[in-house]
Amino acid sequence: MCWGATAPIFMSVSADLYKGKIYGLIYGLIEGGISVAGALGAWVAGSIFDRSQSYQAAFMLVIIVFLLSICIVWIAALRKYRSA
């Protein structure tokens, strides 16, 4: 249910920021990155749990990565709209 709610966000943000002939390539790279990060994220969370017997550190890492991604998209959007 969560992926269904967030999947359109990736498409709309990338379409807003990167229009043009290579949009398909850019979106493909984004989806590939999401797939790799999803696989690595599950492994890292499992590794953290194995070492600490708690998911608290894994959840903190997820929150940090989410905040970092928000900042990166915000910076990219500001750069795009300032140049336009």
PDB file of N, CA and C in Angstrom:
ATOM      1  N   MET A   1       0.828  -1.185   0.000  1.00  0.00           N
ATOM      2  CA  MET A   1       0.000   0.000   0.000  1.00  0.00           C
ATOM      3  C   MET A   1       0.878   1.256   0.000  1.00  0.00           C
ATOM      4  N   CYS A   2       1.977   1.229   0.726  1.00  0.00           N
ATOM      5  CA  CYS A   2       2.832   2.414   0.775  1.00  0.00           C
ATOM      6  C   CYS A   2       3.525   2.661  -0.552  1.00  0.00           C
ATOM      7  N   TRP A   3       4.005   1.581  -1.211  1.00  0.00           N
ATOM      8  CA  TRP A   3       4.670   1.778  -2.496  1.00  0.00           C
ATOM      9  C   TRP A   3       3.686   2.345  -3.518  1.00  0.00           C
ATOM     10  N   GLY A   4       2.447   1.896  -3.498  1.00  0.00           N
ATOM     11  CA  GLY A   4       1.444   2.415  -4.419  1.00  0.00           C
ATOM     12  C   GLY A   4       1.170   3.893  -4.205  1.00  0.00           C
ATOM     13  N   ALA A   5       1.321   4.349  -2.981  1.00  0.00           N
ATOM     14  CA  ALA A   5       1.096   5.764  -2.685  1.00  0.00           C
ATOM     15  C   ALA A   5       2.289   6.628  -3.063  1.00  0.00           C
ATOM     16  N   THR A   6       3.501   6.065  -2.977  1.00  0.00           N
ATOM     17  CA  THR A   6       4.693   6.880  -3.245  1.00  0.00           C
ATOM     18  C   THR A   6       5.230   6.746  -4.658  1.00  0.00           C
ATOM     19  N   ALA A   7       4.893   5.690  -5.371  1.00  0.00           N
ATOM     20  CA  ALA A   7       5.437   5.479  -6.719  1.00  0.00           C
ATOM     21  C   ALA A   7       5.166   6.661  -7.663  1.00  0.00           C
ATOM     22  N   PRO A   8       3.974   7.250  -7.664  1.00  0.00           N
ATOM     23  CA  PRO A   8       3.752   8.394  -8.558  1.00  0.00           C
ATOM     24  C   PRO A   8       4.614   9.615  -8.215  1.00  0.00           C
ATOM     25  N   ILE A   9       5.068   9.709  -6.973  1.00  0.00           N
ATOM     26  CA  ILE A   9       5.900  10.848  -6.585  1.00  0.00           C
ATOM     27  C   ILE A   9       7.227  10.812  -7.327  1.00  0.00           C
ATOM     28  N   PHE A  10       7.841   9.620  -7.451  1.00  0.00           N
ATOM     29  CA  PHE A  10       9.114   9.511  -8.162  1.00  0.00           C
ATOM     30  C   PHE A  10       8.967   9.937  -9.614  1.00  0.00           C
ATOM     31  N   MET A  11       7.880   9.502 -10.242  1.00  0.00           N
ATOM     32  CA  MET A  11       7.654   9.856 -11.646  1.00  0.00           C
ATOM     33  C   MET A  11       7.395  11.347 -11.818  1.00  0.00           C
ATOM     34  N   SER A  12       6.568  11.917 -10.958  1.00  0.00           N
ATOM     35  CA  SER A  12       6.218  13.328 -11.140  1.00  0.00           C
ATOM     36  C   SER A  12       7.389  14.251 -10.812  1.00  0.00           C
ATOM     37  N   VAL A  13       8.155  13.949  -9.776  1.00  0.00           N
ATOM     38  CA  VAL A  13       9.304  14.799  -9.434  1.00  0.00           C
ATOM     39  C   VAL A  13      10.353  14.726 -10.529  1.00  0.00           C
ATOM     40  N   SER A  14      10.657  13.523 -11.000  1.00  0.00           N
ATOM     41  CA  SER A  14      11.660  13.413 -12.063  1.00  0.00           C
ATOM     42  C   SER A  14      11.163  14.044 -13.354  1.00  0.00           C
ATOM     43  N   ALA A  15       9.879  13.942 -13.657  1.00  0.00           N
ATOM     44  CA  ALA A  15       9.342  14.578 -14.863  1.00  0.00           C
ATOM     45  C   ALA A  15       9.382  16.102 -14.748  1.00  0.00           C
ATOM     46  N   ASP A  16       9.116  16.627 -13.562  1.00  0.00           N
ATOM     47  CA  ASP A  16       9.172  18.077 -13.371  1.00  0.00           C
ATOM     48  C   ASP A  16      10.594  18.613 -13.489  1.00  0.00           C
ATOM     49  N   LEU A  17      11.557  17.865 -12.979  1.00  0.00           N
ATOM     50  CA  LEU A  17      12.930  18.352 -12.953  1.00  0.00           C
ATOM     51  C   LEU A  17      13.701  18.062 -14.236  1.00  0.00           C
ATOM     52  N   TYR A  18      13.404  16.954 -14.893  1.00  0.00           N
ATOM     53  CA  TYR A  18      14.206  16.531 -16.048  1.00  0.00           C
ATOM     54  C   TYR A  18      13.315  16.238 -17.242  1.00  0.00           C
ATOM     55  N   LYS A  19      12.882  17.261 -17.920  1.00  0.00           N
ATOM     56  CA  LYS A  19      12.081  17.081 -19.125  1.00  0.00           C
ATOM     57  C   LYS A  19      13.005  16.934 -20.323  1.00  0.00           C
ATOM     58  N   GLY A  20      12.517  16.304 -21.349  1.00  0.00           N
ATOM     59  CA  GLY A  20      13.306  16.221 -22.564  1.00  0.00           C
ATOM     60  C   GLY A  20      13.436  14.813 -23.093  1.00  0.00           C
ATOM     61  N   LYS A  21      14.328  14.679 -24.058  1.00  0.00           N
ATOM     62  CA  LYS A  21      14.475  13.410 -24.760  1.00  0.00           C
ATOM     63  C   LYS A  21      15.088  12.315 -23.900  1.00  0.00           C
ATOM     64  N   ILE A  22      15.881  12.658 -22.908  1.00  0.00           N
ATOM     65  CA  ILE A  22      16.524  11.619 -22.107  1.00  0.00           C
ATOM     66  C   ILE A  22      15.782  11.331 -20.806  1.00  0.00           C
ATOM     67  N   TYR A  23      14.537  11.766 -20.728  1.00  0.00           N
ATOM     68  CA  TYR A  23      13.764  11.508 -19.506  1.00  0.00           C
ATOM     69  C   TYR A  23      13.638  10.016 -19.224  1.00  0.00           C
ATOM     70  N   GLY A  24      13.447   9.213 -20.245  1.00  0.00           N
ATOM     71  CA  GLY A  24      13.334   7.771 -20.049  1.00  0.00           C
ATOM     72  C   GLY A  24      14.583   7.190 -19.413  1.00  0.00           C
ATOM     73  N   LEU A  25      15.751   7.643 -19.859  1.00  0.00           N
ATOM     74  CA  LEU A  25      17.008   7.186 -19.278  1.00  0.00           C
ATOM     75  C   LEU A  25      17.123   7.615 -17.818  1.00  0.00           C
ATOM     76  N   ILE A  26      16.793   8.858 -17.544  1.00  0.00           N
ATOM     77  CA  ILE A  26      16.876   9.368 -16.175  1.00  0.00           C
ATOM     78  C   ILE A  26      15.920   8.613 -15.263  1.00  0.00           C
ATOM     79  N   TYR A  27      14.696   8.403 -15.723  1.00  0.00           N
ATOM     80  CA  TYR A  27      13.733   7.682 -14.887  1.00  0.00           C
ATOM     81  C   TYR A  27      14.152   6.227 -14.693  1.00  0.00           C
ATOM     82  N   GLY A  28      14.719   5.620 -15.711  1.00  0.00           N
ATOM     83  CA  GLY A  28      15.225   4.258 -15.581  1.00  0.00           C
ATOM     84  C   GLY A  28      16.347   4.165 -14.559  1.00  0.00           C
ATOM     85  N   LEU A  29      17.240   5.144 -14.556  1.00  0.00           N
ATOM     86  CA  LEU A  29      18.312   5.166 -13.561  1.00  0.00           C
ATOM     87  C   LEU A  29      17.758   5.355 -12.150  1.00  0.00           C
ATOM     88  N   ILE A  30      16.739   6.191 -12.025  1.00  0.00           N
ATOM     89  CA  ILE A  30      16.113   6.403 -10.714  1.00  0.00           C
ATOM     90  C   ILE A  30      15.482   5.109 -10.215  1.00  0.00           C
ATOM     91  N   GLU A  31      14.738   4.421 -11.068  1.00  0.00           N
ATOM     92  CA  GLU A  31      14.107   3.163 -10.670  1.00  0.00           C
ATOM     93  C   GLU A  31      15.149   2.089 -10.359  1.00  0.00           C
ATOM     94  N   GLY A  32      16.229   2.057 -11.139  1.00  0.00           N
ATOM     95  CA  GLY A  32      17.308   1.115 -10.840  1.00  0.00           C
ATOM     96  C   GLY A  32      17.940   1.407  -9.492  1.00  0.00           C
ATOM     97  N   GLY A  33      18.141   2.681  -9.201  1.00  0.00           N
ATOM     98  CA  GLY A  33      18.682   3.068  -7.897  1.00  0.00           C
ATOM     99  C   GLY A  33      17.749   2.703  -6.758  1.00  0.00           C
ATOM    100  N   ILE A  34      16.456   2.858  -6.976  1.00  0.00           N
ATOM    101  CA  ILE A  34      15.474   2.492  -5.957  1.00  0.00           C
ATOM    102  C   ILE A  34      15.535   0.985  -5.690  1.00  0.00           C
ATOM    103  N   SER A  35      15.680   0.201  -6.750  1.00  0.00           N
ATOM    104  CA  SER A  35      15.740  -1.254  -6.592  1.00  0.00           C
ATOM    105  C   SER A  35      16.984  -1.681  -5.818  1.00  0.00           C
ATOM    106  N   VAL A  36      18.122  -1.124  -6.182  1.00  0.00           N
ATOM    107  CA  VAL A  36      19.371  -1.466  -5.498  1.00  0.00           C
ATOM    108  C   VAL A  36      19.310  -1.004  -4.044  1.00  0.00           C
ATOM    109  N   ALA A  37      18.824   0.198  -3.814  1.00  0.00           N
ATOM    110  CA  ALA A  37      18.732   0.715  -2.444  1.00  0.00           C
ATOM    111  C   ALA A  37      17.754  -0.102  -1.602  1.00  0.00           C
ATOM    112  N   GLY A  38      16.672  -0.562  -2.213  1.00  0.00           N
ATOM    113  CA  GLY A  38      15.726  -1.400  -1.483  1.00  0.00           C
ATOM    114  C   GLY A  38      16.349  -2.714  -1.048  1.00  0.00           C
ATOM    115  N   ALA A  39      17.134  -3.323  -1.944  1.00  0.00           N
ATOM    116  CA  ALA A  39      17.799  -4.574  -1.600  1.00  0.00           C
ATOM    117  C   ALA A  39      18.872  -4.349  -0.542  1.00  0.00           C
ATOM    118  N   LEU A  40      19.681  -3.328  -0.712  1.00  0.00           N
ATOM    119  CA  LEU A  40      20.727  -3.044   0.272  1.00  0.00           C
ATOM    120  C   LEU A  40      20.143  -2.603   1.609  1.00  0.00           C
ATOM    121  N   GLY A  41      19.044  -1.865   1.562  1.00  0.00           N
ATOM    122  CA  GLY A  41      18.418  -1.401   2.791  1.00  0.00           C
ATOM    123  C   GLY A  41      17.924  -2.544   3.651  1.00  0.00           C
ATOM    124  N   ALA A  42      17.344  -3.555   3.020  1.00  0.00           N
ATOM    125  CA  ALA A  42      16.887  -4.717   3.778  1.00  0.00           C
ATOM    126  C   ALA A  42      18.079  -5.450   4.400  1.00  0.00           C
ATOM    127  N   TRP A  43      19.154  -5.565   3.650  1.00  0.00           N
ATOM    128  CA  TRP A  43      20.344  -6.241   4.174  1.00  0.00           C
ATOM    129  C   TRP A  43      20.961  -5.446   5.330  1.00  0.00           C
ATOM    130  N   VAL A  44      21.060  -4.121   5.163  1.00  0.00           N
ATOM    131  CA  VAL A  44      21.641  -3.284   6.222  1.00  0.00           C
ATOM    132  C   VAL A  44      20.775  -3.326   7.481  1.00  0.00           C
ATOM    133  N   ALA A  45      19.458  -3.253   7.318  1.00  0.00           N
ATOM    134  CA  ALA A  45      18.576  -3.314   8.487  1.00  0.00           C
ATOM    135  C   ALA A  45      18.709  -4.657   9.195  1.00  0.00           C
ATOM    136  N   GLY A  46      18.822  -5.734   8.441  1.00  0.00           N
ATOM    137  CA  GLY A  46      19.021  -7.045   9.052  1.00  0.00           C
ATOM    138  C   GLY A  46      20.343  -7.138   9.782  1.00  0.00           C
ATOM    139  N   SER A  47      21.374  -6.567   9.195  1.00  0.00           N
ATOM    140  CA  SER A  47      22.690  -6.561   9.831  1.00  0.00           C
ATOM    141  C   SER A  47      22.667  -5.751  11.138  1.00  0.00           C
ATOM    142  N   ILE A  48      21.995  -4.613  11.106  1.00  0.00           N
ATOM    143  CA  ILE A  48      21.874  -3.792  12.321  1.00  0.00           C
ATOM    144  C   ILE A  48      21.114  -4.562  13.402  1.00  0.00           C
ATOM    145  N   PHE A  49      20.041  -5.246  12.992  1.00  0.00           N
ATOM    146  CA  PHE A  49      19.277  -6.019  13.966  1.00  0.00           C
ATOM    147  C   PHE A  49      20.109  -7.164  14.551  1.00  0.00           C
ATOM    148  N   ASP A  50      20.875  -7.839  13.697  1.00  0.00           N
ATOM    149  CA  ASP A  50      21.707  -8.939  14.185  1.00  0.00           C
ATOM    150  C   ASP A  50      22.726  -8.466  15.218  1.00  0.00           C
ATOM    151  N   ARG A  51      23.234  -7.284  15.045  1.00  0.00           N
ATOM    152  CA  ARG A  51      24.248  -6.767  15.972  1.00  0.00           C
ATOM    153  C   ARG A  51      23.655  -6.177  17.245  1.00  0.00           C
ATOM    154  N   SER A  52      22.495  -5.527  17.118  1.00  0.00           N
ATOM    155  CA  SER A  52      21.947  -4.817  18.280  1.00  0.00           C
ATOM    156  C   SER A  52      20.680  -5.440  18.857  1.00  0.00           C
ATOM    157  N   GLN A  53      20.090  -6.416  18.166  1.00  0.00           N
ATOM    158  CA  GLN A  53      18.830  -7.043  18.585  1.00  0.00           C
ATOM    159  C   GLN A  53      17.693  -6.025  18.696  1.00  0.00           C
ATOM    160  N   SER A  54      17.787  -4.962  17.886  1.00  0.00           N
ATOM    161  CA  SER A  54      16.761  -3.925  17.865  1.00  0.00           C
ATOM    162  C   SER A  54      16.768  -3.261  16.485  1.00  0.00           C
ATOM    163  N   TYR A  55      15.605  -2.821  16.055  1.00  0.00           N
ATOM    164  CA  TYR A  55      15.507  -2.100  14.781  1.00  0.00           C
ATOM    165  C   TYR A  55      15.575  -0.587  14.980  1.00  0.00           C
ATOM    166  N   GLN A  56      15.774  -0.116  16.189  1.00  0.00           N
ATOM    167  CA  GLN A  56      15.767   1.320  16.455  1.00  0.00           C
ATOM    168  C   GLN A  56      16.828   2.060  15.647  1.00  0.00           C
ATOM    169  N   ALA A  57      18.045   1.549  15.583  1.00  0.00           N
ATOM    170  CA  ALA A  57      19.100   2.203  14.805  1.00  0.00           C
ATOM    171  C   ALA A  57      18.776   2.169  13.319  1.00  0.00           C
ATOM    172  N   ALA A  58      18.164   1.084  12.856  1.00  0.00           N
ATOM    173  CA  ALA A  58      17.783   0.993  11.440  1.00  0.00           C
ATOM    174  C   ALA A  58      16.726   2.041  11.097  1.00  0.00           C
ATOM    175  N   PHE A  59      15.755   2.218  11.986  1.00  0.00           N
ATOM    176  CA  PHE A  59      14.736   3.239  11.746  1.00  0.00           C
ATOM    177  C   PHE A  59      15.338   4.643  11.775  1.00  0.00           C
ATOM    178  N   MET A  60      16.279   4.873  12.640  1.00  0.00           N
ATOM    179  CA  MET A  60      16.946   6.180  12.670  1.00  0.00           C
ATOM    180  C   MET A  60      17.711   6.412  11.364  1.00  0.00           C
ATOM    181  N   LEU A  61      18.358   5.380  10.858  1.00  0.00           N
ATOM    182  CA  LEU A  61      19.063   5.491   9.581  1.00  0.00           C
ATOM    183  C   LEU A  61      18.092   5.802   8.450  1.00  0.00           C
ATOM    184  N   VAL A  62      16.932   5.163   8.455  1.00  0.00           N
ATOM    185  CA  VAL A  62      15.917   5.425   7.429  1.00  0.00           C
ATOM    186  C   VAL A  62      15.450   6.875   7.500  1.00  0.00           C
ATOM    187  N   ILE A  63      15.218   7.385   8.686  1.00  0.00           N
ATOM    188  CA  ILE A  63      14.784   8.774   8.840  1.00  0.00           C
ATOM    189  C   ILE A  63      15.853   9.729   8.316  1.00  0.00           C
ATOM    190  N   ILE A  64      17.111   9.462   8.616  1.00  0.00           N
ATOM    191  CA  ILE A  64      18.205  10.305   8.137  1.00  0.00           C
ATOM    192  C   ILE A  64      18.277  10.285   6.609  1.00  0.00           C
ATOM    193  N   VAL A  65      18.148   9.101   6.023  1.00  0.00           N
ATOM    194  CA  VAL A  65      18.198   8.992   4.559  1.00  0.00           C
ATOM    195  C   VAL A  65      17.005   9.699   3.921  1.00  0.00           C
ATOM    196  N   PHE A  66      15.820   9.576   4.518  1.00  0.00           N
ATOM    197  CA  PHE A  66      14.649  10.301   4.006  1.00  0.00           C
ATOM    198  C   PHE A  66      14.875  11.806   4.037  1.00  0.00           C
ATOM    199  N   LEU A  67      15.370  12.315   5.153  1.00  0.00           N
ATOM    200  CA  LEU A  67      15.624  13.753   5.257  1.00  0.00           C
ATOM    201  C   LEU A  67      16.685  14.207   4.262  1.00  0.00           C
ATOM    202  N   LEU A  68      17.704  13.399   4.068  1.00  0.00           N
ATOM    203  CA  LEU A  68      18.733  13.713   3.077  1.00  0.00           C
ATOM    204  C   LEU A  68      18.150  13.746   1.670  1.00  0.00           C
ATOM    205  N   SER A  69      17.289  12.797   1.345  1.00  0.00           N
ATOM    206  CA  SER A  69      16.692  12.791   0.010  1.00  0.00           C
ATOM    207  C   SER A  69      15.768  13.986  -0.202  1.00  0.00           C
ATOM    208  N   ILE A  70      15.058  14.388   0.832  1.00  0.00           N
ATOM    209  CA  ILE A  70      14.213  15.581   0.727  1.00  0.00           C
ATOM    210  C   ILE A  70      15.069  16.802   0.436  1.00  0.00           C
ATOM    211  N   CYS A  71      16.196  16.937   1.136  1.00  0.00           N
ATOM    212  CA  CYS A  71      17.093  18.073   0.910  1.00  0.00           C
ATOM    213  C   CYS A  71      17.669  18.059  -0.505  1.00  0.00           C
ATOM    214  N   ILE A  72      18.043  16.893  -1.004  1.00  0.00           N
ATOM    215  CA  ILE A  72      18.618  16.801  -2.346  1.00  0.00           C
ATOM    216  C   ILE A  72      17.592  17.182  -3.402  1.00  0.00           C
ATOM    217  N   VAL A  73      16.359  16.700  -3.278  1.00  0.00           N
ATOM    218  CA  VAL A  73      15.319  17.066  -4.253  1.00  0.00           C
ATOM    219  C   VAL A  73      15.017  18.553  -4.156  1.00  0.00           C
ATOM    220  N   TRP A  74      14.990  19.096  -2.968  1.00  0.00           N
ATOM    221  CA  TRP A  74      14.718  20.517  -2.786  1.00  0.00           C
ATOM    222  C   TRP A  74      15.808  21.356  -3.447  1.00  0.00           C
ATOM    223  N   ILE A  75      17.052  20.981  -3.249  1.00  0.00           N
ATOM    224  CA  ILE A  75      18.160  21.710  -3.877  1.00  0.00           C
ATOM    225  C   ILE A  75      18.080  21.610  -5.400  1.00  0.00           C
ATOM    226  N   ALA A  76      17.775  20.433  -5.915  1.00  0.00           N
ATOM    227  CA  ALA A  76      17.656  20.266  -7.371  1.00  0.00           C
ATOM    228  C   ALA A  76      16.506  21.091  -7.924  1.00  0.00           C
ATOM    229  N   ALA A  77      15.394  21.136  -7.210  1.00  0.00           N
ATOM    230  CA  ALA A  77      14.250  21.914  -7.673  1.00  0.00           C
ATOM    231  C   ALA A  77      14.551  23.407  -7.640  1.00  0.00           C
ATOM    232  N   LEU A  78      15.207  23.879  -6.588  1.00  0.00           N
ATOM    233  CA  LEU A  78      15.542  25.299  -6.529  1.00  0.00           C
ATOM    234  C   LEU A  78      16.481  25.688  -7.663  1.00  0.00           C
ATOM    235  N   ARG A  79      17.448  24.863  -7.948  1.00  0.00           N
ATOM    236  CA  ARG A  79      18.402  25.131  -9.035  1.00  0.00           C
ATOM    237  C   ARG A  79      17.674  25.158 -10.377  1.00  0.00           C
ATOM    238  N   LYS A  80      16.744  24.262 -10.583  1.00  0.00           N
ATOM    239  CA  LYS A  80      15.993  24.183 -11.836  1.00  0.00           C
ATOM    240  C   LYS A  80      15.142  25.436 -12.023  1.00  0.00           C
ATOM    241  N   TYR A  81      14.427  25.853 -11.004  1.00  0.00           N
ATOM    242  CA  TYR A  81      13.525  26.983 -11.146  1.00  0.00           C
ATOM    243  C   TYR A  81      14.236  28.325 -11.096  1.00  0.00           C
ATOM    244  N   ARG A  82      15.398  28.401 -10.480  1.00  0.00           N
ATOM    245  CA  ARG A  82      16.165  29.637 -10.511  1.00  0.00           C
ATOM    246  C   ARG A  82      16.728  29.898 -11.902  1.00  0.00           C
ATOM    247  N   SER A  83      17.144  28.827 -12.593  1.00  0.00           N
ATOM    248  CA  SER A  83      17.708  29.005 -13.923  1.00  0.00           C
ATOM    249  C   SER A  83      16.632  29.293 -14.971  1.00  0.00           C
ATOM    250  N   ALA A  84      15.389  28.939 -14.688  1.00  0.00           N
ATOM    251  CA  ALA A  84      14.300  29.161 -15.645  1.00  0.00           C
ATOM    252  C   ALA A  84      13.796  30.534 -15.516  1.00  0.00           C
TER     253      ALA A  84
END
